[in-house]
Amino acid sequence: MLEYINWNYKPSRNDLIAVYYLEPNNISLEEAAENIAAESSIGTWTDVATLNRDIANRLKPNIFDIDRKNSIIKIAYSDELFEENNIPQIMSSIAGNIFGMGIVNNLRLLDIEFPKSIVTKFQGPRYGIEGIRKILKVKQRPLVGTIIKPKVGLSAKEHARVAYQAWMNGLDIIKDDENLTNQNFNRFRERISETLKYRDLAEYKTGEKKMYVPNITAETLEMLRRMEYVRENNGECIMVDVFTVGFSALQTLRKYSKEVIHGHRAMHAAITRNKKHGISMLALSKLYRLIGIDQLHIGAIVGKMEGEAKEVIKIGDEIEDSLVKADKKLNIMEQKWYNIKPMMPVCSGGLHPGKIPKLMKYMGNSLIMQFGGGCHGHPDGTEAGARAIRQAVDATMKGISLKEYAKKHIELDKALNKWGM
């Protein structure tokens, strides 16, 4: 059997590094790590005559670090193991059969560090943070938006009217929810045409740019048809449930899209929530950025959605020996990755105006804040809720406390009285 542990190995510029949390099943951490390295690359359960010295020398991965105290291992894989521009193949290797191995009790892919040779073969976001700001003509403040509520049940016309109310009162972005697509009570094409008409009217009346984010999630070819319909109606953005449609569909969508791609992470917690098993949101975020998602939901440290502070604030602080040379002061979405543009984080889930200062303190200004109940649940309805949100952002940008600002802004005052700080 090959030995994969190599304490003297220093990762090369062409290595992909995978970082795992590993709990073995009745064997040593080192032996389990050997099995992980073998199964994810050139090995199998026994010696085979077809594995010659040349293959082993070129393609054998190296386990170069084992943190026994924290049960973390780092494996360096040659980029020759991976097909260019093929996320499914990469994940079938480093996150495939290894999760079903009997020698493992728990296994979690914590992080992936990509070499330049892999990164530069991907398109990345078409627009990124700067491109999105350019479209909306908002240079400094965070972008604010709402998800139409209730999630499902409104007709296409009702949906469009609610969107108009929010746009007219200061919000930049209106988004479909993750489970609204093309139901009988709200047909996709009617919703798109109606809502984009109201977007145009809101832009005309307010003098501000507005963005509608329709959910096109479906079978891949149907998603492309829906994307084309959005384009025909002068839409500038599309939303897709990135986890449920899968990596292949996302790569196809990115290939043919001209729109901003907004990524909702519905179902991610099925594999990210258990901190001992599955795949981290950090690793997934990197994959989605390579593929080309412009905006990605990451939860919110001050909201209802579960998530570690580290992963929400920095969406996975880079590991010390990152091969992607990056500015350590920036979160993983904003770091410079060769040809790959930054991805804009979207914070949502239980947000209301009172939480804006703390969220901006943690996340800075390069983010999108999405309010569902925190807009439509305002005591005076959607219009007042939208105004309260903008008032809270304006106060925070000016360095004025919300309590003080609310003295002269009734919508914010009522929001704070209902939800607090």
Protein backbone atom coordinates (compact mmCIF):
# COMPACT_ATOMS: atom_id res chain seq x y z
CA MET A 1 0.00 0.00 0.00
CA LEU A 2 1.17 3.54 -0.73
CA GLU A 3 1.92 5.81 2.18
CA TYR A 4 0.31 9.21 1.84
CA ILE A 5 1.58 10.90 5.00
CA ASN A 6 4.60 13.03 4.17
CA TRP A 7 5.70 15.32 7.00
CA ASN A 8 8.37 16.92 4.82
CA TYR A 9 6.03 17.81 1.99
CA LYS A 10 5.52 21.49 1.21
CA PRO A 11 2.50 22.20 -1.00
CA SER A 12 3.45 23.41 -4.45
CA ARG A 13 1.90 26.27 -6.40
CA ASN A 14 -0.11 23.70 -8.38
CA ASP A 15 -1.66 21.87 -5.43
CA LEU A 16 -5.26 21.99 -4.31
CA ILE A 17 -5.41 21.75 -0.52
CA ALA A 18 -8.40 20.18 1.20
CA VAL A 19 -8.83 20.62 4.95
CA TYR A 20 -10.93 18.03 6.79
CA TYR A 21 -12.21 17.41 10.28
CA LEU A 22 -11.92 13.65 10.76
CA GLU A 23 -13.22 11.28 13.44
CA PRO A 24 -12.00 7.73 12.74
CA ASN A 25 -13.97 4.55 13.46
CA ASN A 26 -11.83 2.32 15.69
CA ILE A 27 -8.57 3.12 13.89
CA SER A 28 -5.93 5.80 14.36
CA LEU A 29 -6.30 9.29 12.93
CA GLU A 30 -3.26 8.67 10.75
CA GLU A 31 -4.64 5.44 9.30
CA ALA A 32 -8.00 7.05 8.61
CA ALA A 33 -6.28 9.99 6.92
CA GLU A 34 -4.36 7.55 4.70
CA ASN A 35 -7.64 5.96 3.63
CA ILE A 36 -9.21 9.36 2.89
CA ALA A 37 -6.26 10.40 0.73
CA ALA A 38 -6.29 7.11 -1.17
CA GLU A 39 -10.05 6.93 -1.84
CA SER A 40 -10.20 10.57 -2.98
CA SER A 41 -7.45 10.07 -5.57
CA ILE A 42 -5.57 7.08 -6.99
CA GLY A 43 -6.10 4.44 -4.31
CA THR A 44 -8.56 1.66 -3.63
CA TRP A 45 -9.10 -0.88 -0.84
CA THR A 46 -6.24 -3.15 -1.94
CA ASP A 47 -3.01 -3.10 -3.96
CA VAL A 48 -3.58 -3.24 -7.73
CA ALA A 49 -1.06 -4.14 -10.44
CA THR A 50 -2.24 -1.30 -12.68
CA LEU A 51 -1.04 1.40 -10.28
CA ASN A 52 2.47 1.93 -11.63
CA ARG A 53 5.30 4.06 -10.25
CA ASP A 54 4.71 6.88 -12.77
CA ILE A 55 1.09 7.32 -11.74
CA ALA A 56 2.00 7.23 -8.08
CA ASN A 57 4.81 9.77 -8.44
CA ARG A 58 2.67 12.24 -10.39
CA LEU A 59 -0.72 11.89 -8.79
CA LYS A 60 -0.32 10.64 -5.23
CA PRO A 61 -1.71 13.24 -2.78
CA ASN A 62 0.27 14.16 0.31
CA ILE A 63 -1.04 14.44 3.84
CA PHE A 64 1.29 17.15 5.07
CA ASP A 65 -0.32 18.20 8.34
CA ILE A 66 -2.30 16.42 11.06
CA ASP A 67 -3.62 18.34 14.05
CA ARG A 68 -4.32 15.51 16.48
CA LYS A 69 -5.76 17.78 19.17
CA ASN A 70 -8.47 19.12 16.87
CA SER A 71 -8.70 16.09 14.53
CA ILE A 72 -7.93 18.18 11.46
CA ILE A 73 -5.95 16.93 8.47
CA LYS A 74 -4.66 18.76 5.40
CA ILE A 75 -4.17 16.98 2.09
CA ALA A 76 -2.42 18.42 -0.97
CA TYR A 77 -3.68 17.16 -4.33
CA SER A 78 -1.94 17.74 -7.65
CA ASP A 79 -4.03 19.86 -10.04
CA GLU A 80 -3.52 17.07 -12.61
CA LEU A 81 -6.21 15.12 -10.75
CA PHE A 82 -8.88 17.62 -11.70
CA GLU A 83 -10.56 18.49 -14.98
CA GLU A 84 -10.53 22.17 -15.90
CA ASN A 85 -13.69 24.13 -15.17
CA ASN A 86 -15.52 21.13 -13.70
CA ILE A 87 -16.79 21.63 -10.15
CA PRO A 88 -18.77 18.34 -10.08
CA GLN A 89 -15.62 16.36 -10.88
CA ILE A 90 -13.59 18.17 -8.23
CA MET A 91 -16.25 17.50 -5.60
CA SER A 92 -16.68 13.87 -6.67
CA SER A 93 -13.00 13.52 -5.82
CA ILE A 94 -12.44 15.46 -2.61
CA ALA A 95 -15.99 15.12 -1.23
CA GLY A 96 -17.29 11.96 -2.88
CA ASN A 97 -16.98 8.36 -1.71
CA ILE A 98 -15.00 9.38 1.37
CA PHE A 99 -18.17 10.31 3.27
CA GLY A 100 -19.45 6.73 3.01
CA MET A 101 -16.31 4.97 4.16
CA GLY A 102 -16.66 2.58 7.10
CA ILE A 103 -13.44 3.82 8.66
CA VAL A 104 -15.10 7.20 9.27
CA ASN A 105 -17.48 8.15 12.06
CA ASN A 106 -17.56 11.83 11.14
CA LEU A 107 -15.94 13.74 8.30
CA ARG A 108 -16.29 17.40 7.37
CA LEU A 109 -14.73 19.26 4.48
CA LEU A 110 -13.78 22.48 6.25
CA ASP A 111 -11.98 24.37 3.52
CA ILE A 112 -10.60 24.18 0.01
CA GLU A 113 -7.62 26.20 -1.18
CA PHE A 114 -7.40 26.43 -4.95
CA PRO A 115 -4.18 27.02 -6.91
CA LYS A 116 -4.01 29.62 -9.66
CA SER A 117 -4.01 26.87 -12.29
CA ILE A 118 -7.55 25.89 -11.24
CA VAL A 119 -8.93 29.33 -10.31
CA THR A 120 -8.12 30.97 -13.64
CA LYS A 121 -10.06 28.36 -15.62
CA PHE A 122 -13.34 29.53 -14.08
CA GLN A 123 -15.38 32.59 -15.06
CA GLY A 124 -16.35 33.78 -11.60
CA PRO A 125 -19.02 36.47 -11.13
CA ARG A 126 -19.81 38.51 -14.23
CA TYR A 127 -20.52 41.65 -12.20
CA GLY A 128 -19.30 41.23 -8.64
CA ILE A 129 -19.62 43.97 -6.05
CA GLU A 130 -18.51 46.87 -8.25
CA GLY A 131 -20.72 45.79 -11.13
CA ILE A 132 -23.79 45.53 -8.92
CA ARG A 133 -23.15 48.96 -7.41
CA LYS A 134 -22.71 50.37 -10.91
CA ILE A 135 -26.08 49.00 -12.03
CA LEU A 136 -27.87 50.41 -8.99
CA LYS A 137 -25.79 53.61 -8.86
CA VAL A 138 -25.15 53.19 -5.13
CA LYS A 139 -21.52 53.85 -4.35
CA GLN A 140 -21.06 53.48 -0.60
CA ARG A 141 -24.00 52.43 1.54
CA PRO A 142 -25.19 48.84 1.88
CA LEU A 143 -27.94 47.77 -0.51
CA VAL A 144 -31.32 47.10 1.06
CA GLY A 145 -34.15 44.96 -0.15
CA THR A 146 -37.12 42.85 0.80
CA ILE A 147 -38.46 39.40 0.10
CA ILE A 148 -42.12 39.54 -0.81
CA LYS A 149 -44.22 38.03 1.99
CA PRO A 150 -46.08 35.80 2.42
CA LYS A 151 -43.59 33.51 0.67
CA VAL A 152 -46.31 31.96 -1.42
CA GLY A 153 -49.98 32.71 -1.96
CA LEU A 154 -50.05 36.18 -3.52
CA SER A 155 -51.12 36.47 -7.14
CA ALA A 156 -48.71 37.89 -9.71
CA LYS A 157 -50.47 41.26 -9.62
CA GLU A 158 -50.54 41.38 -5.82
CA HIS A 159 -46.84 40.46 -5.74
CA ALA A 160 -46.00 43.26 -8.17
CA ARG A 161 -47.96 45.86 -6.18
CA VAL A 162 -46.17 44.95 -2.94
CA ALA A 163 -42.84 45.24 -4.77
CA TYR A 164 -43.83 48.70 -6.01
CA GLN A 165 -44.68 49.86 -2.48
CA ALA A 166 -41.26 48.80 -1.21
CA TRP A 167 -39.37 50.33 -4.14
CA MET A 168 -41.22 53.62 -3.84
CA ASN A 169 -40.22 53.93 -0.18
CA GLY A 170 -36.49 53.49 -0.44
CA LEU A 171 -35.59 49.86 -1.04
CA ASP A 172 -33.20 48.94 -3.84
CA ILE A 173 -33.96 45.27 -4.39
CA ILE A 174 -37.09 43.11 -4.44
CA LYS A 175 -36.62 39.36 -4.34
CA ASP A 176 -38.82 36.31 -4.80
CA ASP A 177 -38.66 33.78 -2.00
CA GLU A 178 -36.86 30.48 -2.52
CA ASN A 179 -40.01 28.40 -2.96
CA LEU A 180 -41.91 30.71 -5.30
CA THR A 181 -41.41 29.67 -8.92
CA ASN A 182 -44.36 28.96 -11.24
CA GLN A 183 -47.31 27.89 -9.10
CA ASN A 184 -50.91 28.04 -10.27
CA PHE A 185 -51.70 31.04 -8.09
CA ASN A 186 -48.67 33.03 -9.32
CA ARG A 187 -47.45 32.16 -12.80
CA PHE A 188 -43.82 32.96 -13.51
CA ARG A 189 -44.25 34.89 -16.76
CA GLU A 190 -47.09 37.03 -15.51
CA ARG A 191 -45.17 37.82 -12.31
CA ILE A 192 -42.08 38.84 -14.26
CA SER A 193 -43.86 41.14 -16.69
CA GLU A 194 -46.04 42.74 -14.01
CA THR A 195 -43.24 43.28 -11.48
CA LEU A 196 -40.79 44.69 -14.01
CA LYS A 197 -43.43 47.16 -15.21
CA TYR A 198 -43.74 48.39 -11.64
CA ARG A 199 -39.94 48.49 -11.35
CA ASP A 200 -39.80 50.83 -14.35
CA LEU A 201 -42.52 53.02 -12.84
CA ALA A 202 -40.73 53.17 -9.48
CA GLU A 203 -37.49 54.17 -11.20
CA TYR A 204 -39.28 56.91 -13.11
CA LYS A 205 -40.99 58.32 -10.01
CA THR A 206 -38.07 58.06 -7.57
CA GLY A 207 -35.13 58.74 -9.87
CA GLU A 208 -33.39 55.74 -8.28
CA LYS A 209 -32.34 52.49 -9.95
CA LYS A 210 -34.23 49.44 -8.76
CA MET A 211 -33.58 45.71 -9.13
CA TYR A 212 -35.99 42.78 -9.24
CA VAL A 213 -34.65 39.30 -8.42
CA PRO A 214 -37.03 36.64 -9.82
CA ASN A 215 -36.56 33.02 -8.81
CA ILE A 216 -35.94 30.94 -11.94
CA THR A 217 -35.14 27.69 -10.06
CA ALA A 218 -36.24 24.67 -12.12
CA GLU A 219 -34.85 21.92 -14.36
CA THR A 220 -31.79 23.31 -16.18
CA LEU A 221 -33.30 23.86 -19.63
CA GLU A 222 -36.39 25.42 -18.09
CA MET A 223 -34.15 27.74 -16.05
CA LEU A 224 -32.51 28.90 -19.26
CA ARG A 225 -35.93 29.59 -20.80
CA ARG A 226 -36.98 31.54 -17.74
CA MET A 227 -33.73 33.50 -17.78
CA GLU A 228 -34.36 34.40 -21.41
CA TYR A 229 -37.85 35.63 -20.55
CA VAL A 230 -36.46 37.86 -17.80
CA ARG A 231 -33.99 39.25 -20.34
CA GLU A 232 -36.73 39.90 -22.90
CA ASN A 233 -38.53 41.97 -20.28
CA ASN A 234 -35.39 43.98 -19.48
CA GLY A 235 -34.69 42.28 -16.19
CA GLU A 236 -31.13 42.59 -14.94
CA CYS A 237 -30.98 39.87 -12.29
CA ILE A 238 -32.04 36.27 -11.73
CA MET A 239 -32.18 34.17 -8.58
CA VAL A 240 -31.46 30.49 -8.28
CA ASP A 241 -31.50 28.10 -5.32
CA VAL A 242 -27.85 27.16 -5.72
CA PHE A 243 -27.76 24.04 -3.58
CA THR A 244 -30.91 22.35 -4.82
CA VAL A 245 -30.19 22.88 -8.53
CA GLY A 246 -26.60 21.63 -8.20
CA PHE A 247 -23.16 22.58 -9.46
CA SER A 248 -23.68 21.43 -13.06
CA ALA A 249 -26.83 23.50 -13.54
CA LEU A 250 -25.09 26.54 -12.06
CA GLN A 251 -22.16 26.21 -14.44
CA THR A 252 -24.55 25.97 -17.38
CA LEU A 253 -26.52 28.96 -16.14
CA ARG A 254 -23.36 31.05 -15.74
CA LYS A 255 -22.22 30.11 -19.24
CA TYR A 256 -25.35 31.48 -20.89
CA SER A 257 -26.31 34.29 -18.52
CA LYS A 258 -25.89 38.01 -18.99
CA GLU A 259 -27.72 38.84 -15.79
CA VAL A 260 -26.60 39.30 -12.20
CA ILE A 261 -26.93 35.88 -10.54
CA HIS A 262 -28.35 35.94 -7.03
CA GLY A 263 -27.71 32.73 -5.09
CA HIS A 264 -30.12 31.51 -2.40
CA ARG A 265 -28.70 28.68 -0.28
CA ALA A 266 -31.92 26.80 0.55
CA MET A 267 -31.17 23.27 1.86
CA HIS A 268 -27.50 24.02 2.58
CA ALA A 269 -27.92 23.26 6.29
CA ALA A 270 -28.56 19.61 5.43
CA ILE A 271 -24.80 19.32 4.93
CA THR A 272 -23.37 22.42 6.64
CA ARG A 273 -25.08 22.56 10.03
CA ASN A 274 -23.44 19.56 11.70
CA LYS A 275 -20.03 20.96 12.64
CA LYS A 276 -18.51 17.47 12.68
CA HIS A 277 -19.83 16.16 9.38
CA GLY A 278 -20.62 17.37 5.89
CA ILE A 279 -19.24 20.42 4.12
CA SER A 280 -18.73 23.92 5.53
CA MET A 281 -20.46 27.00 4.15
CA LEU A 282 -16.96 28.37 3.62
CA ALA A 283 -16.09 25.62 1.16
CA LEU A 284 -19.42 25.98 -0.64
CA SER A 285 -19.03 29.76 -0.85
CA LYS A 286 -15.68 29.37 -2.58
CA LEU A 287 -17.18 26.95 -5.09
CA TYR A 288 -20.10 29.26 -5.85
CA ARG A 289 -17.75 32.19 -6.33
CA LEU A 290 -15.61 30.22 -8.79
CA ILE A 291 -18.72 29.20 -10.72
CA GLY A 292 -19.86 32.81 -10.97
CA ILE A 293 -22.56 33.65 -8.43
CA ASP A 294 -22.65 37.45 -7.98
CA GLN A 295 -24.67 37.59 -4.75
CA LEU A 296 -24.79 34.80 -2.15
CA HIS A 297 -26.87 34.36 0.99
CA ILE A 298 -24.73 33.77 4.06
CA GLY A 299 -27.31 34.15 6.84
CA ALA A 300 -26.91 36.93 9.37
CA ILE A 301 -25.09 36.97 12.67
CA VAL A 302 -27.89 39.07 14.17
CA GLY A 303 -30.78 37.26 12.48
CA LYS A 304 -32.73 34.01 12.86
CA MET A 305 -30.65 31.75 10.62
CA GLU A 306 -28.12 29.52 12.35
CA GLY A 307 -24.45 30.15 11.63
CA GLU A 308 -21.15 30.55 13.40
CA ALA A 309 -19.98 34.12 13.86
CA LYS A 310 -16.76 33.29 12.05
CA GLU A 311 -18.46 31.93 8.96
CA VAL A 312 -21.04 34.71 8.82
CA ILE A 313 -18.69 37.61 9.47
CA LYS A 314 -15.78 36.41 7.37
CA ILE A 315 -17.56 33.61 5.50
CA GLY A 316 -14.71 31.43 6.48
CA ASP A 317 -11.52 33.09 7.54
CA GLU A 318 -8.82 31.82 5.19
CA ILE A 319 -6.47 29.19 6.58
CA GLU A 320 -2.91 30.30 7.31
CA ASP A 321 -1.22 28.64 4.37
CA SER A 322 -3.73 29.67 1.72
CA LEU A 323 -2.34 29.21 -1.77
CA VAL A 324 -4.68 31.90 -3.06
CA LYS A 325 -2.68 34.95 -2.01
CA ALA A 326 -5.21 37.24 -0.43
CA ASP A 327 -5.61 40.37 1.64
CA LYS A 328 -6.10 39.00 5.15
CA LYS A 329 -8.29 41.98 6.04
CA LEU A 330 -10.99 41.03 3.55
CA ASN A 331 -13.57 38.28 3.86
CA ILE A 332 -13.40 35.33 1.51
CA MET A 333 -16.00 36.87 -0.80
CA GLU A 334 -13.99 40.03 -1.38
CA GLN A 335 -10.42 38.75 -1.55
CA LYS A 336 -8.52 39.14 -4.80
CA TRP A 337 -8.57 35.82 -6.66
CA TYR A 338 -6.67 36.48 -9.87
CA ASN A 339 -9.37 36.88 -12.57
CA ILE A 340 -12.31 36.14 -10.23
CA LYS A 341 -14.40 39.15 -9.18
CA PRO A 342 -15.66 39.56 -5.60
CA MET A 343 -19.01 38.10 -4.64
CA MET A 344 -21.48 40.26 -2.70
CA PRO A 345 -22.76 38.75 0.58
CA VAL A 346 -26.51 38.77 1.22
CA CYS A 347 -27.64 38.84 4.84
CA SER A 348 -31.19 37.81 5.61
CA GLY A 349 -33.33 35.90 8.06
CA GLY A 350 -35.00 37.63 10.98
CA LEU A 351 -33.64 41.09 10.21
CA HIS A 352 -35.42 44.32 11.15
CA PRO A 353 -34.32 47.99 11.30
CA GLY A 354 -33.07 47.71 14.88
CA LYS A 355 -30.44 45.17 13.85
CA ILE A 356 -28.90 47.26 11.07
CA PRO A 357 -26.17 49.07 13.08
CA LYS A 358 -24.76 45.84 14.52
CA LEU A 359 -24.91 44.05 11.18
CA MET A 360 -23.09 46.90 9.44
CA LYS A 361 -20.50 46.96 12.23
CA TYR A 362 -19.69 43.31 11.62
CA MET A 363 -20.08 43.16 7.85
CA GLY A 364 -19.16 46.65 6.63
CA ASN A 365 -20.95 48.32 3.74
CA SER A 366 -20.33 45.85 0.94
CA LEU A 367 -23.41 43.75 1.53
CA ILE A 368 -27.07 43.38 0.72
CA MET A 369 -29.49 43.36 3.65
CA GLN A 370 -32.79 41.61 2.92
CA PHE A 371 -35.83 42.12 5.15
CA GLY A 372 -38.95 39.97 4.95
CA GLY A 373 -41.08 40.24 8.07
CA GLY A 374 -38.84 43.12 9.14
CA CYS A 375 -40.35 45.17 6.33
CA HIS A 376 -43.88 43.87 5.77
CA GLY A 377 -44.48 43.30 9.50
CA HIS A 378 -44.17 46.99 10.33
CA PRO A 379 -47.20 48.25 12.31
CA ASP A 380 -48.10 50.53 9.41
CA GLY A 381 -47.38 48.05 6.63
CA THR A 382 -44.89 47.59 3.80
CA GLU A 383 -44.44 51.25 2.85
CA ALA A 384 -43.62 52.32 6.39
CA GLY A 385 -41.42 49.26 6.84
CA ALA A 386 -39.36 50.18 3.79
CA ARG A 387 -38.95 53.76 5.01
CA ALA A 388 -37.87 52.54 8.45
CA ILE A 389 -35.18 50.37 6.87
CA ARG A 390 -33.74 53.24 4.83
CA GLN A 391 -33.92 55.52 7.85
CA ALA A 392 -31.92 53.03 9.92
CA VAL A 393 -29.29 52.76 7.19
CA ASP A 394 -29.07 56.53 6.79
CA ALA A 395 -28.69 57.00 10.55
CA THR A 396 -25.94 54.40 10.75
CA MET A 397 -24.09 55.90 7.78
CA LYS A 398 -24.23 59.29 9.52
CA GLY A 399 -23.05 57.89 12.85
CA ILE A 400 -26.32 58.74 14.60
CA SER A 401 -27.90 56.29 17.02
CA LEU A 402 -31.22 54.80 15.93
CA LYS A 403 -32.82 55.96 19.16
CA GLU A 404 -31.85 59.55 18.40
CA TYR A 405 -32.77 59.34 14.71
CA ALA A 406 -36.16 57.85 15.56
CA LYS A 407 -37.17 61.02 17.38
CA LYS A 408 -37.74 62.70 14.02
CA HIS A 409 -38.59 59.63 11.95
CA ILE A 410 -41.89 58.07 12.94
CA GLU A 411 -41.53 54.91 10.82
CA LEU A 412 -38.23 54.01 12.47
CA ASP A 413 -39.64 54.87 15.89
CA LYS A 414 -42.55 52.46 15.42
CA ALA A 415 -40.23 49.72 14.13
CA LEU A 416 -38.00 50.06 17.19
CA ASN A 417 -41.01 50.03 19.51
CA LYS A 418 -42.16 46.76 17.93
CA TRP A 419 -38.87 44.88 17.51
CA GLY A 420 -36.36 46.72 19.70
CA MET A 421 -32.66 47.16 19.04
